[in-house]
Amino acid sequence: MAAPPRGSLVAAVLAHSGCLDKEDLGTRIARLSRRVEELKGEVCNMINEKYNEFLPSMQSAEDLVLQVDELTNNIDLLKALIENEVQRDLNIAVAEFTELKQQLERDTLVLSVLKKLQEFDIAVKEYNTALLEKKYVTAAQQLEKARSNLKTLESRKGFELKILKALGKELTVQTQNMLYHLGEEWQKLAVWKFPPSKESSSLEFVVHSELHLRTVLLKEGDIAGPPVADVLQAFAILGELHNKLKNFGQLLLKYILKPLILYPSLQPFTEEQSNVFILRFKSEKPSLDHSCPIEVFDKIKLIFEVLYKYLLNVPLEQPAEDKKELTELLGDLIWEDLSDCLIQNCLVNSIPTNSSKLEQYIEVIKSTEVFEKALKDMRFLKGDTTELLKYARNINSHFANKKCQDVIVAARNLMTSEIHNTVKITPDSGVALPKLSEPRAGHHLETQKPSNLVRNDVVNLENETKLSQYTFSLPTCRISSSVEKLMELAYQTLLEATTSTEQCSIQLFYSVRNIFQLFCDVVPTYHKENLQKLPQLAAIHHNNCMYIAHHLLTLGHQFRYHLNNILCDGVATFVDMVPGFRRLGTECFLAQMRVQKGEILERLSSARNFSNMDDEENYCAAKKAIRQVLHQLKRLGKVWQDVLPVYVYCKAMGTLLNTALSEIVTRIAALEDISAKDADRLYSLCRTMVEEGPQVFTPLPEDDKNKKYQEEVPVYVPKWMMFKELMIILQANLQEIVDQWADGKGPLAAEFSAAEVKSLIRALFQNTERRAAALTKIK
């Protein structure tokens, strides 16, 4: 390393030290120079040491470079050798190995196929041998083994053989042959014998039908046939057992089990011979119209016991996923149809119609339990509870449903029956109320007993006039006999509810409510045309509705404390339905009244406004109209007589007569000119109405009793006095009219206004001073 220039070094020292003496400066420079020389020597030594250390490393690196170059050359030579010679030999070896491997796979496949073909051939041969010896289980097993081998061969893709199609056809033929022989054996085991050319669903057909079950050889010396287990096991192996049992089960249901349920007279009986068991039937006169469940269960149990003993009690080797016994398989196939038939055609008919007979139904429930237990013991049924037993045990619900259904059906039949068949209702008559038991516990009404001690100074405020015992009774009238029966049905149903279970009681109560709601819907619709056309039926329907409403007022109260506790808390009432029934009856009758009013007005419209009565043709037309109106009213009177209550009858007839009188008064009062002859003839027409009008008031069949109502015409006909005053005007002179007016206080002023009287005076009298004076007094 080169030393720095001396001058610069001195300058630096000088700059650093400031002003120094020349002598000191020289000493210091000399010292520094020595130090520099020392440092220079140290540096040189250090460099020499480092060089000595680096030189061997450098030599080693150069040697390594030479070795790497040599190795690289060797690698290049080896690579060229591999690419030119070894790779060619390796490709040839791989190709040869692949070819050998493929050849091995083909040979292995051919060997396995040949092995499967050999197994198929052996299985078919063993099948034929077993079939000839009637070893059906072995034969079926060999067939399945052959089928398995064939499926294995067919599943090998890329190795199709034309022979496989032929083998498949051969296997199908042999399978069908096997099934044919099994079918022949099955027909020998279970033989159905039916009568020729008879309807299969008739009782006679079933009576002449038989089922034969083979038990031993038919003849001595015959080759022993296969046992039942072998035949059924062979069917199971071939997968045909389900179909065979299904067909047998359908025959069993159609020709044995269902007929035993449907025909109470049908009885099974058995006959056991040396080689066959025979099941026959005979028909006996039944004691009941419907089959008794207990008897039906015994009959069906006998059939299952026979099948279990002679046909189906055999062990089967089922596949692992379907391990079921033969009886259980048959039970699964037919139980649903059998139980439905038992419920719909046996248990339903045995449901009591009266709650008092419910206890007797316990025997049916016990019989159902015994029946199902017997079938479970024979393994026709599983251990679970079936729908049949659930149905039998749920008798309370079924009884309530059936009772309610019967009540609704009976009620509907009554509602759709003829209305005109009537019975007479009087205040003394009424529905015979059944004797009810004491109210249920907790519902005794506490009544405060009046004190026996009465103070002397207490004033008796009770009115001495007593109400009649008939005050709140329905007045005498006629109602449909069907409605009377309908109300009796309601009372009987509620009585049934008082002795029924809680749920049944509630259902029966609401069934009675449904009866009356149904009445409001059915009767006006079903009898609509007759109610519109026939006045008598409209009156009877009015009475029917009022009769029902009258009973509904107290119906709930009568049974309230004898029904279920839930119904006792203010729910058991029919009062809410009363307005609807009253409205229903009133609207129907008012509609008929409007029809009758329309006919009256139509007839009076042909009277030519009662004008020009001096014209004979006009007078005859008016007279005819009056006669027609009276005839119509009298005809209505005959139709409604003894049907409507007296008050309703009189009010209705009075309203119609009032309509006629009001129309006549209006038309006459509107005339502008009435001659003397016109007045006489108008008076004659009015007199006809006054004389014959009261005769329409005949509410009672006895004529002598109707006089009272005929004398009270003004009570029911508001325009009666006006009409009579009009007659007086038609025959009176001016002074008499003025006297009748009596300054607005007379009878004439009570019926006519001043303007109407003046109009009549102007029409009747000529314009004179007397008429003018009379008119001035009418004000």
Foldseek 3Di string as FASTA:
>chain_A
DDDDDPVVVLVVVCVVPPDDDPVVSVVVSVVVVVVVVVVVVVVVVVVVVVVVVVPVVVVVVVVVVVVVVVVVVVVVVVVVVCVVPVVVVVVVVVVVVVVVVVVVVVVVVVVVLVVLVVLLVVLCVQLVVCVVVQQLLSNLVSLVSNVVSLVVVVVDPPDDDPVSVVSVVVSVVVVVVSVVVLVVVVCVQKPKDWDPDDDLQDPVRLQPIKIKGWAFDPDPPDDGHDDLQSSLQSCQSVVNNLVVLLVVLVCCCRRPLLCLQQAQQKAWDWDDDPTIIMIHIDGDDHPDPGHELLVSLVRVLVVVVVCLVRHFVYDYDHPPVDDAGRLCSSLVNNVVVSLVSCVPRYVLVPQDLAQVCPVVLVVSLVSVVVSVVSSVVSPNDDPDDDPNNVVSVPSQVSNLVVNLVVLLVLLVVLLLDDWPAKDKDAQVDDADADDADDFDPPPDDDDDDDDPDDDPPDDDPDDPDDDDPSPLGDHIAMAGPSLVVNVNSLNVLQRSQLPGDQVSNVSSLVSSVVSVVVSLVCNCVSCVVVLLPPLLSLLNLLVSLQVVLSCQQCVQVVCLRSHDPVSNPPNSGRNVCNVVSNCSSVVSNVSNLVVLLVVLVVLCVQLVLLPPCVPVVSLVSNLVSLVVLLVSLLVVLVSQARHHRLVVSLLSSQVSLLSNLVSNLVSLLPDQAAELVSLVSSLVSLVVCVVRVLVSSRNYPDPVVSVVSSVVSCVNHVCPLVSVVSSCLSVDDLVVLLVQCVQLPHSNNVRDALVSSLSSLSRYDPDDPSNVVSNVSRD
